[in-house]
Amino acid sequence: MSDDKISQKTLESEIAATRAELAATIDSLSLRLDPRIRAAEAKVAAVQAGSDTAAFLKGAGLPEEDPSRARNVKVLLGAAAGVVGLVALKLIRR
């Protein structure tokens, strides 16, 4: 009977620990998927990309500390080149 109580107490404590771990995981996922947080992160990334692109155009080169920042500069420059190309094409066809 004593072994049953020990194993029951052990089982209950394991269940409590698992519940706490699951709650922490759910909280973490909720924060990662929160639209307001995602929008704020996107805003920060866009501002950083604009700043990095301006620095690149002034001759500072691409950011070396974070490859995703360098990629964002290239994407922004490519998008700008595409828009300029489309506008030029539209003007030429007039």
Protein backbone atom coordinates (compact mmCIF):
# COMPACT_ATOMS: atom_id res chain seq x y z
CA MET A 1 0.00 0.00 0.00
CA SER A 2 2.87 2.36 0.73
CA ASP A 3 4.31 1.74 -2.74
CA ASP A 4 0.95 2.63 -4.29
CA LYS A 5 0.89 5.98 -2.49
CA ILE A 6 4.47 6.76 -3.48
CA SER A 7 3.85 5.92 -7.09
CA GLN A 8 0.57 7.87 -7.03
CA LYS A 9 2.34 10.90 -5.57
CA THR A 10 5.10 10.54 -8.13
CA LEU A 11 2.57 10.28 -10.91
CA GLU A 12 0.69 13.33 -9.66
CA SER A 13 3.88 15.38 -9.50
CA GLU A 14 4.85 14.29 -13.02
CA ILE A 15 1.41 15.27 -14.28
CA ALA A 16 1.70 18.67 -12.59
CA ALA A 17 5.15 19.21 -14.12
CA THR A 18 3.88 18.20 -17.56
CA ARG A 19 0.93 20.58 -17.24
CA ALA A 20 3.25 23.44 -16.29
CA GLU A 21 5.53 22.65 -19.22
CA LEU A 22 2.57 22.51 -21.60
CA ALA A 23 1.25 25.83 -20.30
CA ALA A 24 4.66 27.44 -20.84
CA THR A 25 4.80 26.06 -24.38
CA ILE A 26 1.33 27.37 -25.19
CA ASP A 27 2.22 30.80 -23.79
CA SER A 28 5.37 30.87 -25.90
CA LEU A 29 3.47 29.90 -29.05
CA SER A 30 0.79 32.49 -28.32
CA LEU A 31 3.42 35.21 -28.13
CA ARG A 32 5.09 34.07 -31.35
CA LEU A 33 1.79 34.03 -33.26
CA ASP A 34 0.27 37.24 -31.84
CA PRO A 35 -0.57 39.45 -34.85
CA ARG A 36 0.30 42.65 -32.99
CA ILE A 37 3.74 41.35 -32.10
CA ARG A 38 4.30 40.03 -35.63
CA ALA A 39 3.27 43.43 -37.07
CA ALA A 40 5.66 45.24 -34.73
CA GLU A 41 8.49 42.89 -35.74
CA ALA A 42 7.70 43.47 -39.43
CA LYS A 43 7.74 47.23 -38.88
CA VAL A 44 11.14 47.05 -37.20
CA ALA A 45 12.50 44.89 -40.03
CA ALA A 46 11.14 47.28 -42.68
CA VAL A 47 12.64 50.32 -41.00
CA GLN A 48 15.95 48.47 -40.61
CA ALA A 49 15.89 47.45 -44.29
CA GLY A 50 15.28 51.05 -45.32
CA SER A 51 18.12 52.25 -43.13
CA ASP A 52 20.46 49.53 -44.40
CA THR A 53 19.53 50.31 -48.02
CA ALA A 54 20.21 54.02 -47.51
CA ALA A 55 23.59 53.15 -45.99
CA PHE A 56 24.33 50.82 -48.94
CA LEU A 57 23.49 53.54 -51.45
CA LYS A 58 25.82 55.93 -49.59
CA GLY A 59 28.66 53.45 -50.01
CA ALA A 60 28.70 51.69 -46.64
CA GLY A 61 28.20 48.26 -48.19
CA LEU A 62 25.87 45.49 -47.13
CA PRO A 63 25.42 44.64 -43.46
CA GLU A 64 27.76 41.79 -42.57
CA GLU A 65 26.57 40.95 -39.06
CA ASP A 66 23.21 39.51 -40.14
CA PRO A 67 22.70 37.76 -43.51
CA SER A 68 18.95 38.39 -43.41
CA ARG A 69 19.57 42.14 -43.27
CA ALA A 70 21.77 41.93 -46.37
CA ARG A 71 19.05 39.87 -48.08
CA ASN A 72 16.43 42.48 -47.17
CA VAL A 73 18.56 45.22 -48.77
CA LYS A 74 18.81 43.18 -51.96
CA VAL A 75 15.06 42.51 -51.99
CA LEU A 76 14.28 46.19 -51.44
CA LEU A 77 16.65 47.26 -54.21
CA GLY A 78 15.20 44.61 -56.53
CA ALA A 79 11.66 45.75 -55.82
CA ALA A 80 12.64 49.38 -56.44
CA ALA A 81 14.33 48.41 -59.72
CA GLY A 82 11.21 46.50 -60.76
CA VAL A 83 8.96 49.48 -60.05
CA VAL A 84 11.28 51.81 -61.97
CA GLY A 85 11.31 49.35 -64.87
CA LEU A 86 7.52 49.11 -64.95
CA VAL A 87 7.12 52.88 -64.82
CA ALA A 88 9.67 53.31 -67.63
CA LEU A 89 7.88 50.69 -69.72
CA LYS A 90 4.55 52.42 -69.13
CA LEU A 91 6.03 55.78 -70.17
CA ILE A 92 7.66 54.33 -73.29
CA ARG A 93 4.42 52.70 -74.46
CA ARG A 94 2.49 55.97 -74.32
